[in-house]
PDB file of N, CA and C in Angstrom:
ATOM      1  N   MET A   1     -34.154 -95.504 101.600  1.00  0.00           N
ATOM      2  CA  MET A   1     -33.489 -94.287 101.976  1.00  0.00           C
ATOM      3  C   MET A   1     -33.697 -94.099 103.538  1.00  0.00           C
ATOM      4  N   SER A   2     -32.575 -93.708 104.145  1.00  0.00           N
ATOM      5  CA  SER A   2     -32.603 -93.498 105.568  1.00  0.00           C
ATOM      6  C   SER A   2     -33.283 -92.222 105.978  1.00  0.00           C
ATOM      7  N   GLU A   3     -33.949 -92.231 107.124  1.00  0.00           N
ATOM      8  CA  GLU A   3     -34.593 -91.009 107.591  1.00  0.00           C
ATOM      9  C   GLU A   3     -33.655 -90.214 108.459  1.00  0.00           C
ATOM     10  N   TYR A   4     -32.415 -90.717 108.715  1.00  0.00           N
ATOM     11  CA  TYR A   4     -31.411 -90.039 109.474  1.00  0.00           C
ATOM     12  C   TYR A   4     -30.371 -89.457 108.500  1.00  0.00           C
ATOM     13  N   PRO A   5     -29.909 -88.257 108.683  1.00  0.00           N
ATOM     14  CA  PRO A   5     -28.839 -87.731 107.790  1.00  0.00           C
ATOM     15  C   PRO A   5     -27.570 -88.376 107.973  1.00  0.00           C
ATOM     16  N   VAL A   6     -26.821 -88.511 106.937  1.00  0.00           N
ATOM     17  CA  VAL A   6     -25.501 -89.177 106.962  1.00  0.00           C
ATOM     18  C   VAL A   6     -24.493 -88.108 107.495  1.00  0.00           C
ATOM     19  N   SER A   7     -23.665 -88.502 108.425  1.00  0.00           N
ATOM     20  CA  SER A   7     -22.706 -87.566 109.010  1.00  0.00           C
ATOM     21  C   SER A   7     -21.378 -87.751 108.274  1.00  0.00           C
ATOM     22  N   GLY A   8     -20.529 -86.755 108.335  1.00  0.00           N
ATOM     23  CA  GLY A   8     -19.219 -86.794 107.702  1.00  0.00           C
ATOM     24  C   GLY A   8     -18.866 -85.362 107.178  1.00  0.00           C
ATOM     25  N   LYS A   9     -17.823 -85.354 106.371  1.00  0.00           N
ATOM     26  CA  LYS A   9     -17.484 -84.063 105.838  1.00  0.00           C
ATOM     27  C   LYS A   9     -17.014 -84.280 104.367  1.00  0.00           C
ATOM     28  N   ILE A  10     -17.079 -83.141 103.644  1.00  0.00           N
ATOM     29  CA  ILE A  10     -16.628 -83.157 102.232  1.00  0.00           C
ATOM     30  C   ILE A  10     -15.440 -82.212 102.180  1.00  0.00           C
ATOM     31  N   GLU A  11     -14.443 -82.709 101.522  1.00  0.00           N
ATOM     32  CA  GLU A  11     -13.181 -81.899 101.261  1.00  0.00           C
ATOM     33  C   GLU A  11     -13.015 -81.805  99.753  1.00  0.00           C
ATOM     34  N   VAL A  12     -12.719 -80.592  99.282  1.00  0.00           N
ATOM     35  CA  VAL A  12     -12.433 -80.440  97.848  1.00  0.00           C
ATOM     36  C   VAL A  12     -10.970 -79.885  97.841  1.00  0.00           C
ATOM     37  N   SER A  13     -10.154 -80.611  97.134  1.00  0.00           N
ATOM     38  CA  SER A  13      -8.730 -80.205  97.066  1.00  0.00           C
ATOM     39  C   SER A  13      -8.517 -78.908  96.279  1.00  0.00           C
ATOM     40  N   PRO A  14      -7.480 -78.161  96.652  1.00  0.00           N
ATOM     41  CA  PRO A  14      -7.138 -76.925  95.881  1.00  0.00           C
ATOM     42  C   PRO A  14      -6.944 -77.233  94.459  1.00  0.00           C
ATOM     43  N   ARG A  15      -6.439 -78.394  94.068  1.00  0.00           N
ATOM     44  CA  ARG A  15      -6.297 -78.720  92.683  1.00  0.00           C
ATOM     45  C   ARG A  15      -7.614 -78.891  91.923  1.00  0.00           C
ATOM     46  N   ALA A  16      -8.605 -79.396  92.625  1.00  0.00           N
ATOM     47  CA  ALA A  16      -9.963 -79.493  92.005  1.00  0.00           C
ATOM     48  C   ALA A  16     -10.618 -78.135  91.838  1.00  0.00           C
ATOM     49  N   ILE A  17     -10.368 -77.244  92.836  1.00  0.00           N
ATOM     50  CA  ILE A  17     -10.841 -75.886  92.729  1.00  0.00           C
ATOM     51  C   ILE A  17     -10.143 -75.186  91.595  1.00  0.00           C
ATOM     52  N   ALA A  18      -8.848 -75.441  91.417  1.00  0.00           N
ATOM     53  CA  ALA A  18      -8.055 -74.893  90.318  1.00  0.00           C
ATOM     54  C   ALA A  18      -8.604 -75.334  88.896  1.00  0.00           C
ATOM     55  N   SER A  19      -9.063 -76.540  88.894  1.00  0.00           N
ATOM     56  CA  SER A  19      -9.600 -77.080  87.635  1.00  0.00           C
ATOM     57  C   SER A  19     -10.922 -76.381  87.237  1.00  0.00           C
ATOM     58  N   ILE A  20     -11.708 -76.064  88.213  1.00  0.00           N
ATOM     59  CA  ILE A  20     -12.936 -75.305  88.009  1.00  0.00           C
ATOM     60  C   ILE A  20     -12.626 -73.905  87.491  1.00  0.00           C
ATOM     61  N   ALA A  21     -11.634 -73.246  88.183  1.00  0.00           N
ATOM     62  CA  ALA A  21     -11.269 -71.974  87.856  1.00  0.00           C
ATOM     63  C   ALA A  21     -10.613 -71.909  86.439  1.00  0.00           C
ATOM     64  N   ALA A  22      -9.823 -72.913  86.118  1.00  0.00           N
ATOM     65  CA  ALA A  22      -9.179 -72.976  84.791  1.00  0.00           C
ATOM     66  C   ALA A  22     -10.205 -73.049  83.672  1.00  0.00           C
ATOM     67  N   GLU A  23     -11.239 -73.779  83.821  1.00  0.00           N
ATOM     68  CA  GLU A  23     -12.293 -73.912  82.824  1.00  0.00           C
ATOM     69  C   GLU A  23     -12.964 -72.529  82.619  1.00  0.00           C
ATOM     70  N   ALA A  24     -13.241 -71.861  83.725  1.00  0.00           N
ATOM     71  CA  ALA A  24     -13.805 -70.529  83.637  1.00  0.00           C
ATOM     72  C   ALA A  24     -12.869 -69.490  82.941  1.00  0.00           C
ATOM     73  N   VAL A  25     -11.598 -69.518  83.254  1.00  0.00           N
ATOM     74  CA  VAL A  25     -10.655 -68.624  82.670  1.00  0.00           C
ATOM     75  C   VAL A  25     -10.472 -68.840  81.172  1.00  0.00           C
ATOM     76  N   LEU A  26     -10.301 -70.080  80.774  1.00  0.00           N
ATOM     77  CA  LEU A  26     -10.080 -70.441  79.388  1.00  0.00           C
ATOM     78  C   LEU A  26     -11.262 -70.172  78.507  1.00  0.00           C
ATOM     79  N   SER A  27     -12.420 -70.040  79.108  1.00  0.00           N
ATOM     80  CA  SER A  27     -13.656 -69.688  78.281  1.00  0.00           C
ATOM     81  C   SER A  27     -13.819 -68.168  78.163  1.00  0.00           C
ATOM     82  N   CYS A  28     -12.970 -67.375  78.767  1.00  0.00           N
ATOM     83  CA  CYS A  28     -13.092 -65.934  78.682  1.00  0.00           C
ATOM     84  C   CYS A  28     -12.500 -65.344  77.444  1.00  0.00           C
ATOM     85  N   TYR A  29     -13.096 -64.372  76.826  1.00  0.00           N
ATOM     86  CA  TYR A  29     -12.629 -63.707  75.665  1.00  0.00           C
ATOM     87  C   TYR A  29     -11.340 -63.005  75.989  1.00  0.00           C
ATOM     88  N   GLY A  30     -10.314 -63.072  75.164  1.00  0.00           N
ATOM     89  CA  GLY A  30      -9.076 -62.377  75.327  1.00  0.00           C
ATOM     90  C   GLY A  30      -8.017 -63.112  76.006  1.00  0.00           C
ATOM     91  N   VAL A  31      -8.334 -64.358  76.528  1.00  0.00           N
ATOM     92  CA  VAL A  31      -7.325 -65.120  77.223  1.00  0.00           C
ATOM     93  C   VAL A  31      -6.723 -66.112  76.201  1.00  0.00           C
ATOM     94  N   VAL A  32      -5.375 -66.010  76.111  1.00  0.00           N
ATOM     95  CA  VAL A  32      -4.657 -66.910  75.206  1.00  0.00           C
ATOM     96  C   VAL A  32      -4.391 -68.237  75.956  1.00  0.00           C
ATOM     97  N   GLY A  33      -4.027 -68.179  77.237  1.00  0.00           N
ATOM     98  CA  GLY A  33      -3.771 -69.353  78.017  1.00  0.00           C
ATOM     99  C   GLY A  33      -3.290 -69.042  79.421  1.00  0.00           C
ATOM    100  N   MET A  34      -2.996 -70.074  80.117  1.00  0.00           N
ATOM    101  CA  MET A  34      -2.480 -69.955  81.475  1.00  0.00           C
ATOM    102  C   MET A  34      -0.935 -69.955  81.380  1.00  0.00           C
ATOM    103  N   SER A  35      -0.324 -69.368  82.393  1.00  0.00           N
ATOM    104  CA  SER A  35       1.131 -69.321  82.424  1.00  0.00           C
ATOM    105  C   SER A  35       1.624 -69.813  83.798  1.00  0.00           C
ATOM    106  N   ALA A  36       2.839 -70.289  83.788  1.00  0.00           N
ATOM    107  CA  ALA A  36       3.449 -70.694  85.061  1.00  0.00           C
ATOM    108  C   ALA A  36       3.511 -69.467  86.002  1.00  0.00           C
ATOM    109  N   ALA A  37       3.408 -69.657  87.292  1.00  0.00           N
ATOM    110  CA  ALA A  37       3.369 -68.567  88.267  1.00  0.00           C
ATOM    111  C   ALA A  37       4.814 -67.901  88.273  1.00  0.00           C
ATOM    112  N   THR A  38       5.844 -68.599  88.079  1.00  0.00           N
ATOM    113  CA  THR A  38       7.126 -68.013  88.130  1.00  0.00           C
ATOM    114  C   THR A  38       7.656 -68.013  86.650  1.00  0.00           C
ATOM    115  N   LEU A  39       8.301 -67.002  86.239  1.00  0.00           N
ATOM    116  CA  LEU A  39       8.772 -66.928  84.881  1.00  0.00           C
ATOM    117  C   LEU A  39      10.316 -67.012  84.817  1.00  0.00           C
ATOM    118  N   ARG A  40      10.771 -67.911  83.998  1.00  0.00           N
ATOM    119  CA  ARG A  40      12.198 -68.056  83.782  1.00  0.00           C
ATOM    120  C   ARG A  40      12.496 -67.249  82.555  1.00  0.00           C
ATOM    121  N   ASP A  41      13.560 -66.457  82.704  1.00  0.00           N
ATOM    122  CA  ASP A  41      13.992 -65.543  81.565  1.00  0.00           C
ATOM    123  C   ASP A  41      12.862 -64.587  81.151  1.00  0.00           C
ATOM    124  N   GLU A  42      11.908 -64.332  82.020  1.00  0.00           N
ATOM    125  CA  GLU A  42      10.844 -63.366  81.794  1.00  0.00           C
ATOM    126  C   GLU A  42      10.068 -63.637  80.500  1.00  0.00           C
ATOM    127  N   VAL A  43       9.971 -64.947  80.165  1.00  0.00           N
ATOM    128  CA  VAL A  43       9.196 -65.349  78.984  1.00  0.00           C
ATOM    129  C   VAL A  43       7.977 -66.167  79.498  1.00  0.00           C
ATOM    130  N   ALA A  44       6.755 -65.725  79.087  1.00  0.00           N
ATOM    131  CA  ALA A  44       5.576 -66.438  79.473  1.00  0.00           C
ATOM    132  C   ALA A  44       5.385 -67.699  78.620  1.00  0.00           C
ATOM    133  N   GLU A  45       5.431 -68.837  79.311  1.00  0.00           N
ATOM    134  CA  GLU A  45       5.187 -70.068  78.658  1.00  0.00           C
ATOM    135  C   GLU A  45       3.741 -70.415  78.791  1.00  0.00           C
ATOM    136  N   ILE A  46       3.013 -70.599  77.660  1.00  0.00           N
ATOM    137  CA  ILE A  46       1.614 -70.941  77.757  1.00  0.00           C
ATOM    138  C   ILE A  46       1.525 -72.415  77.966  1.00  0.00           C
ATOM    139  N   LEU A  47       0.782 -72.753  79.047  1.00  0.00           N
ATOM    140  CA  LEU A  47       0.594 -74.130  79.463  1.00  0.00           C
ATOM    141  C   LEU A  47      -0.598 -74.736  78.689  1.00  0.00           C
ATOM    142  N   GLN A  48      -0.417 -76.083  78.389  1.00  0.00           N
ATOM    143  CA  GLN A  48      -1.432 -76.732  77.653  1.00  0.00           C
ATOM    144  C   GLN A  48      -2.619 -76.965  78.503  1.00  0.00           C
ATOM    145  N   ARG A  49      -3.773 -77.309  77.956  1.00  0.00           N
ATOM    146  CA  ARG A  49      -5.049 -77.412  78.681  1.00  0.00           C
ATOM    147  C   ARG A  49      -4.900 -78.414  79.800  1.00  0.00           C
ATOM    148  N   ASP A  50      -4.158 -79.523  79.636  1.00  0.00           N
ATOM    149  CA  ASP A  50      -4.005 -80.475  80.674  1.00  0.00           C
ATOM    150  C   ASP A  50      -3.260 -79.936  81.857  1.00  0.00           C
ATOM    151  N   ASN A  51      -2.340 -78.939  81.670  1.00  0.00           N
ATOM    152  CA  ASN A  51      -1.580 -78.405  82.762  1.00  0.00           C
ATOM    153  C   ASN A  51      -2.075 -77.042  83.244  1.00  0.00           C
ATOM    154  N   SER A  52      -3.301 -76.662  82.827  1.00  0.00           N
ATOM    155  CA  SER A  52      -3.771 -75.323  83.078  1.00  0.00           C
ATOM    156  C   SER A  52      -3.912 -75.006  84.568  1.00  0.00           C
ATOM    157  N   HIS A  53      -4.187 -76.054  85.387  1.00  0.00           N
ATOM    158  CA  HIS A  53      -4.291 -75.806  86.802  1.00  0.00           C
ATOM    159  C   HIS A  53      -2.958 -75.314  87.455  1.00  0.00           C
ATOM    160  N   ARG A  54      -1.883 -75.487  86.754  1.00  0.00           N
ATOM    161  CA  ARG A  54      -0.592 -75.046  87.205  1.00  0.00           C
ATOM    162  C   ARG A  54      -0.454 -73.519  87.176  1.00  0.00           C
ATOM    163  N   GLY A  55      -1.266 -72.934  86.388  1.00  0.00           N
ATOM    164  CA  GLY A  55      -1.232 -71.412  86.248  1.00  0.00           C
ATOM    165  C   GLY A  55      -2.190 -70.789  87.298  1.00  0.00           C
ATOM    166  N   ILE A  56      -2.668 -71.621  88.299  1.00  0.00           N
ATOM    167  CA  ILE A  56      -3.626 -71.138  89.277  1.00  0.00           C
ATOM    168  C   ILE A  56      -3.160 -71.601  90.661  1.00  0.00           C
ATOM    169  N   GLU A  57      -3.182 -70.658  91.627  1.00  0.00           N
ATOM    170  CA  GLU A  57      -2.832 -70.956  92.993  1.00  0.00           C
ATOM    171  C   GLU A  57      -4.132 -70.769  93.787  1.00  0.00           C
ATOM    172  N   VAL A  58      -4.464 -71.769  94.626  1.00  0.00           N
ATOM    173  CA  VAL A  58      -5.638 -71.701  95.421  1.00  0.00           C
ATOM    174  C   VAL A  58      -5.331 -71.854  96.918  1.00  0.00           C
ATOM    175  N   ARG A  59      -5.879 -70.971  97.717  1.00  0.00           N
ATOM    176  CA  ARG A  59      -5.753 -71.060  99.146  1.00  0.00           C
ATOM    177  C   ARG A  59      -7.122 -71.067  99.821  1.00  0.00           C
ATOM    178  N   VAL A  60      -7.302 -71.906 100.773  1.00  0.00           N
ATOM    179  CA  VAL A  60      -8.591 -71.971 101.511  1.00  0.00           C
ATOM    180  C   VAL A  60      -8.310 -71.756 102.981  1.00  0.00           C
ATOM    181  N   ASN A  61      -8.874 -70.664 103.488  1.00  0.00           N
ATOM    182  CA  ASN A  61      -8.789 -70.316 104.922  1.00  0.00           C
ATOM    183  C   ASN A  61     -10.125 -69.933 105.508  1.00  0.00           C
ATOM    184  N   ASP A  62     -10.511 -70.616 106.582  1.00  0.00           N
ATOM    185  CA  ASP A  62     -11.768 -70.311 107.245  1.00  0.00           C
ATOM    186  C   ASP A  62     -12.981 -70.378 106.269  1.00  0.00           C
ATOM    187  N   HIS A  63     -12.965 -71.385 105.466  1.00  0.00           N
ATOM    188  CA  HIS A  63     -14.003 -71.606 104.485  1.00  0.00           C
ATOM    189  C   HIS A  63     -14.170 -70.515 103.423  1.00  0.00           C
ATOM    190  N   ARG A  64     -13.064 -69.761 103.205  1.00  0.00           N
ATOM    191  CA  ARG A  64     -13.029 -68.694 102.189  1.00  0.00           C
ATOM    192  C   ARG A  64     -11.934 -69.035 101.222  1.00  0.00           C
ATOM    193  N   ILE A  65     -12.154 -68.792  99.962  1.00  0.00           N
ATOM    194  CA  ILE A  65     -11.240 -69.266  98.931  1.00  0.00           C
ATOM    195  C   ILE A  65     -10.556 -68.013  98.312  1.00  0.00           C
ATOM    196  N   SER A  66      -9.275 -68.035  98.190  1.00  0.00           N
ATOM    197  CA  SER A  66      -8.493 -67.019  97.472  1.00  0.00           C
ATOM    198  C   SER A  66      -7.829 -67.687  96.278  1.00  0.00           C
ATOM    199  N   ILE A  67      -7.944 -67.057  95.144  1.00  0.00           N
ATOM    200  CA  ILE A  67      -7.416 -67.643  93.880  1.00  0.00           C
ATOM    201  C   ILE A  67      -6.539 -66.580  93.179  1.00  0.00           C
ATOM    202  N   ASP A  68      -5.339 -67.103  92.721  1.00  0.00           N
ATOM    203  CA  ASP A  68      -4.416 -66.238  91.959  1.00  0.00           C
ATOM    204  C   ASP A  68      -4.351 -66.921  90.642  1.00  0.00           C
ATOM    205  N   LEU A  69      -4.588 -66.102  89.546  1.00  0.00           N
ATOM    206  CA  LEU A  69      -4.591 -66.556  88.193  1.00  0.00           C
ATOM    207  C   LEU A  69      -3.368 -65.971  87.488  1.00  0.00           C
ATOM    208  N   TYR A  70      -2.586 -66.880  86.800  1.00  0.00           N
ATOM    209  CA  TYR A  70      -1.410 -66.376  86.060  1.00  0.00           C
ATOM    210  C   TYR A  70      -1.686 -66.650  84.578  1.00  0.00           C
ATOM    211  N   VAL A  71      -1.946 -65.545  83.826  1.00  0.00           N
ATOM    212  CA  VAL A  71      -2.476 -65.717  82.518  1.00  0.00           C
ATOM    213  C   VAL A  71      -1.645 -64.953  81.440  1.00  0.00           C
ATOM    214  N   VAL A  72      -1.899 -65.416  80.177  1.00  0.00           N
ATOM    215  CA  VAL A  72      -1.377 -64.698  79.009  1.00  0.00           C
ATOM    216  C   VAL A  72      -2.604 -64.211  78.288  1.00  0.00           C
ATOM    217  N   ILE A  73      -2.626 -62.952  77.932  1.00  0.00           N
ATOM    218  CA  ILE A  73      -3.781 -62.301  77.313  1.00  0.00           C
ATOM    219  C   ILE A  73      -3.430 -61.925  75.940  1.00  0.00           C
ATOM    220  N   GLU A  74      -4.433 -61.890  75.085  1.00  0.00           N
ATOM    221  CA  GLU A  74      -4.299 -61.548  73.639  1.00  0.00           C
ATOM    222  C   GLU A  74      -3.934 -60.073  73.513  1.00  0.00           C
ATOM    223  N   TYR A  75      -2.878 -59.887  72.751  1.00  0.00           N
ATOM    224  CA  TYR A  75      -2.358 -58.496  72.448  1.00  0.00           C
ATOM    225  C   TYR A  75      -3.504 -57.766  71.746  1.00  0.00           C
ATOM    226  N   GLY A  76      -3.680 -56.508  72.182  1.00  0.00           N
ATOM    227  CA  GLY A  76      -4.725 -55.637  71.541  1.00  0.00           C
ATOM    228  C   GLY A  76      -6.070 -55.613  72.252  1.00  0.00           C
ATOM    229  N   THR A  77      -6.260 -56.513  73.289  1.00  0.00           N
ATOM    230  CA  THR A  77      -7.446 -56.406  74.021  1.00  0.00           C
ATOM    231  C   THR A  77      -7.239 -55.480  75.288  1.00  0.00           C
ATOM    232  N   ARG A  78      -8.339 -55.025  75.818  1.00  0.00           N
ATOM    233  CA  ARG A  78      -8.208 -54.127  76.979  1.00  0.00           C
ATOM    234  C   ARG A  78      -8.040 -55.053  78.167  1.00  0.00           C
ATOM    235  N   ILE A  79      -6.723 -54.959  78.713  1.00  0.00           N
ATOM    236  CA  ILE A  79      -6.377 -55.909  79.741  1.00  0.00           C
ATOM    237  C   ILE A  79      -7.283 -55.757  80.985  1.00  0.00           C
ATOM    238  N   SER A  80      -7.653 -54.530  81.399  1.00  0.00           N
ATOM    239  CA  SER A  80      -8.430 -54.402  82.585  1.00  0.00           C
ATOM    240  C   SER A  80      -9.836 -55.053  82.437  1.00  0.00           C
ATOM    241  N   GLU A  81     -10.421 -55.012  81.268  1.00  0.00           N
ATOM    242  CA  GLU A  81     -11.737 -55.638  81.014  1.00  0.00           C
ATOM    243  C   GLU A  81     -11.607 -57.128  80.949  1.00  0.00           C
ATOM    244  N   VAL A  82     -10.580 -57.655  80.331  1.00  0.00           N
ATOM    245  CA  VAL A  82     -10.375 -59.046  80.272  1.00  0.00           C
ATOM    246  C   VAL A  82     -10.154 -59.600  81.670  1.00  0.00           C
ATOM    247  N   ALA A  83      -9.307 -58.899  82.470  1.00  0.00           N
ATOM    248  CA  ALA A  83      -9.091 -59.356  83.829  1.00  0.00           C
ATOM    249  C   ALA A  83     -10.311 -59.313  84.727  1.00  0.00           C
ATOM    250  N   GLN A  84     -11.100 -58.272  84.608  1.00  0.00           N
ATOM    251  CA  GLN A  84     -12.352 -58.147  85.343  1.00  0.00           C
ATOM    252  C   GLN A  84     -13.350 -59.258  84.975  1.00  0.00           C
ATOM    253  N   ASN A  85     -13.400 -59.557  83.668  1.00  0.00           N
ATOM    254  CA  ASN A  85     -14.262 -60.649  83.265  1.00  0.00           C
ATOM    255  C   ASN A  85     -13.794 -61.990  83.812  1.00  0.00           C
ATOM    256  N   MET A  86     -12.492 -62.198  83.753  1.00  0.00           N
ATOM    257  CA  MET A  86     -11.949 -63.465  84.440  1.00  0.00           C
ATOM    258  C   MET A  86     -12.302 -63.523  85.898  1.00  0.00           C
ATOM    259  N   MET A  87     -12.110 -62.434  86.596  1.00  0.00           N
ATOM    260  CA  MET A  87     -12.401 -62.480  88.039  1.00  0.00           C
ATOM    261  C   MET A  87     -13.863 -62.831  88.339  1.00  0.00           C
ATOM    262  N   GLU A  88     -14.822 -62.226  87.638  1.00  0.00           N
ATOM    263  CA  GLU A  88     -16.176 -62.445  87.767  1.00  0.00           C
ATOM    264  C   GLU A  88     -16.560 -63.900  87.410  1.00  0.00           C
ATOM    265  N   SER A  89     -15.994 -64.325  86.296  1.00  0.00           N
ATOM    266  CA  SER A  89     -16.338 -65.698  85.854  1.00  0.00           C
ATOM    267  C   SER A  89     -15.822 -66.767  86.738  1.00  0.00           C
ATOM    268  N   VAL A  90     -14.627 -66.619  87.286  1.00  0.00           N
ATOM    269  CA  VAL A  90     -14.048 -67.576  88.208  1.00  0.00           C
ATOM    270  C   VAL A  90     -14.789 -67.605  89.526  1.00  0.00           C
ATOM    271  N   LYS A  91     -15.061 -66.373  90.029  1.00  0.00           N
ATOM    272  CA  LYS A  91     -15.843 -66.314  91.237  1.00  0.00           C
ATOM    273  C   LYS A  91     -17.203 -66.985  91.184  1.00  0.00           C
ATOM    274  N   PHE A  92     -17.921 -66.677  90.056  1.00  0.00           N
ATOM    275  CA  PHE A  92     -19.181 -67.289  89.839  1.00  0.00           C
ATOM    276  C   PHE A  92     -19.111 -68.808  89.743  1.00  0.00           C
ATOM    277  N   SER A  93     -18.211 -69.316  88.897  1.00  0.00           N
ATOM    278  CA  SER A  93     -18.108 -70.737  88.641  1.00  0.00           C
ATOM    279  C   SER A  93     -17.701 -71.546  89.920  1.00  0.00           C
ATOM    280  N   VAL A  94     -16.792 -71.000  90.697  1.00  0.00           N
ATOM    281  CA  VAL A  94     -16.323 -71.687  91.903  1.00  0.00           C
ATOM    282  C   VAL A  94     -17.428 -71.647  92.969  1.00  0.00           C
ATOM    283  N   GLU A  95     -18.074 -70.534  93.137  1.00  0.00           N
ATOM    284  CA  GLU A  95     -19.083 -70.437  94.208  1.00  0.00           C
ATOM    285  C   GLU A  95     -20.252 -71.308  93.828  1.00  0.00           C
ATOM    286  N   ARG A  96     -20.660 -71.363  92.503  1.00  0.00           N
ATOM    287  CA  ARG A  96     -21.774 -72.189  92.080  1.00  0.00           C
ATOM    288  C   ARG A  96     -21.482 -73.647  92.302  1.00  0.00           C
ATOM    289  N   ALA A  97     -20.238 -74.058  91.983  1.00  0.00           N
ATOM    290  CA  ALA A  97     -19.849 -75.474  92.050  1.00  0.00           C
ATOM    291  C   ALA A  97     -19.686 -75.960  93.510  1.00  0.00           C
ATOM    292  N   LEU A  98     -19.152 -75.089  94.378  1.00  0.00           N
ATOM    293  CA  LEU A  98     -18.869 -75.558  95.754  1.00  0.00           C
ATOM    294  C   LEU A  98     -19.688 -75.028  96.842  1.00  0.00           C
ATOM    295  N   GLY A  99     -20.450 -74.004  96.561  1.00  0.00           N
ATOM    296  CA  GLY A  99     -21.281 -73.424  97.604  1.00  0.00           C
ATOM    297  C   GLY A  99     -20.502 -72.696  98.713  1.00  0.00           C
ATOM    298  N   MET A 100     -19.243 -72.398  98.370  1.00  0.00           N
ATOM    299  CA  MET A 100     -18.369 -71.666  99.359  1.00  0.00           C
ATOM    300  C   MET A 100     -18.108 -70.291  98.744  1.00  0.00           C
ATOM    301  N   GLN A 101     -17.835 -69.340  99.617  1.00  0.00           N
ATOM    302  CA  GLN A 101     -17.588 -67.961  99.241  1.00  0.00           C
ATOM    303  C   GLN A 101     -16.123 -67.826  98.702  1.00  0.00           C
ATOM    304  N   VAL A 102     -15.975 -67.151  97.585  1.00  0.00           N
ATOM    305  CA  VAL A 102     -14.616 -66.827  97.084  1.00  0.00           C
ATOM    306  C   VAL A 102     -14.301 -65.389  97.607  1.00  0.00           C
ATOM    307  N   ALA A 103     -13.323 -65.308  98.418  1.00  0.00           N
ATOM    308  CA  ALA A 103     -12.870 -64.058  99.058  1.00  0.00           C
ATOM    309  C   ALA A 103     -12.274 -63.118  98.067  1.00  0.00           C
ATOM    310  N   GLU A 104     -11.355 -63.668  97.196  1.00  0.00           N
ATOM    311  CA  GLU A 104     -10.648 -62.813  96.250  1.00  0.00           C
ATOM    312  C   GLU A 104     -10.176 -63.640  95.031  1.00  0.00           C
ATOM    313  N   VAL A 105     -10.141 -62.978  93.913  1.00  0.00           N
ATOM    314  CA  VAL A 105      -9.528 -63.523  92.737  1.00  0.00           C
ATOM    315  C   VAL A 105      -8.550 -62.479  92.209  1.00  0.00           C
ATOM    316  N   ASN A 106      -7.267 -62.826  92.165  1.00  0.00           N
ATOM    317  CA  ASN A 106      -6.253 -61.927  91.693  1.00  0.00           C
ATOM    318  C   ASN A 106      -5.731 -62.374  90.318  1.00  0.00           C
ATOM    319  N   VAL A 107      -5.596 -61.462  89.398  1.00  0.00           N
ATOM    320  CA  VAL A 107      -5.145 -61.756  88.099  1.00  0.00           C
ATOM    321  C   VAL A 107      -3.687 -61.248  87.872  1.00  0.00           C
ATOM    322  N   HIS A 108      -2.802 -62.097  87.496  1.00  0.00           N
ATOM    323  CA  HIS A 108      -1.381 -61.725  87.219  1.00  0.00           C
ATOM    324  C   HIS A 108      -1.209 -61.960  85.709  1.00  0.00           C
ATOM    325  N   VAL A 109      -1.071 -60.831  84.975  1.00  0.00           N
ATOM    326  CA  VAL A 109      -0.868 -61.015  83.521  1.00  0.00           C
ATOM    327  C   VAL A 109       0.601 -61.186  83.346  1.00  0.00           C
ATOM    328  N   GLN A 110       0.963 -62.379  82.907  1.00  0.00           N
ATOM    329  CA  GLN A 110       2.363 -62.775  82.731  1.00  0.00           C
ATOM    330  C   GLN A 110       2.913 -62.438  81.291  1.00  0.00           C
ATOM    331  N   GLY A 111       2.035 -62.161  80.413  1.00  0.00           N
ATOM    332  CA  GLY A 111       2.479 -61.758  79.037  1.00  0.00           C
ATOM    333  C   GLY A 111       1.304 -61.511  78.089  1.00  0.00           C
ATOM    334  N   LEU A 112       1.659 -60.961  76.946  1.00  0.00           N
ATOM    335  CA  LEU A 112       0.677 -60.711  75.904  1.00  0.00           C
ATOM    336  C   LEU A 112       1.156 -61.458  74.661  1.00  0.00           C
ATOM    337  N   ARG A 113       0.202 -62.038  73.927  1.00  0.00           N
ATOM    338  CA  ARG A 113       0.518 -62.721  72.690  1.00  0.00           C
ATOM    339  C   ARG A 113      -0.471 -62.324  71.620  1.00  0.00           C
ATOM    340  N   VAL A 114       0.108 -62.284  70.386  1.00  0.00           N
ATOM    341  CA  VAL A 114      -0.791 -62.080  69.201  1.00  0.00           C
ATOM    342  C   VAL A 114      -1.321 -63.464  68.825  1.00  0.00           C
ATOM    343  N   SER A 115      -2.680 -63.510  68.714  1.00  0.00           N
ATOM    344  CA  SER A 115      -3.346 -64.752  68.325  1.00  0.00           C
ATOM    345  C   SER A 115      -3.058 -65.030  66.857  1.00  0.00           C
ATOM    346  N   ASN A 116      -2.925 -66.348  66.550  1.00  0.00           N
ATOM    347  CA  ASN A 116      -2.792 -66.774  65.159  1.00  0.00           C
ATOM    348  C   ASN A 116      -4.189 -66.954  64.544  1.00  0.00           C
ATOM    349  N   LYS A 117      -4.553 -66.007  63.741  1.00  0.00           N
ATOM    350  CA  LYS A 117      -5.921 -66.089  63.076  1.00  0.00           C
ATOM    351  C   LYS A 117      -5.666 -66.350  61.614  1.00  0.00           C
ATOM    352  N   ASP A 118      -5.817 -67.635  61.283  1.00  0.00           N
ATOM    353  CA  ASP A 118      -5.581 -68.047  59.892  1.00  0.00           C
ATOM    354  C   ASP A 118      -6.765 -67.965  59.024  1.00  0.00           C
TER     355      ASP A 118
END
């Protein structure tokens, strides 16, 4: 092992940050899934787990991260509580994984769905 530190830099792509955020969102109670940021015919399409990063927009400016979440929430849940839980969960997960400050997490509720409970 060298006694001199290795120089260089580490870059984390917005898509990688979105993947971290998606895992945090999808583990939150009351979230049915992610949605596309733009809605065609005002119908929320729930994206599959593989495409969940598409429901998240990430911007990095001056080492501060801003995240927009486009989600579909379970009908009958308290939207404000589910959204607040998502915001806190995403902020914690991203900051823990990257060691960078998350400036803001914005939640855009694109629709409500009734869960299929068989």
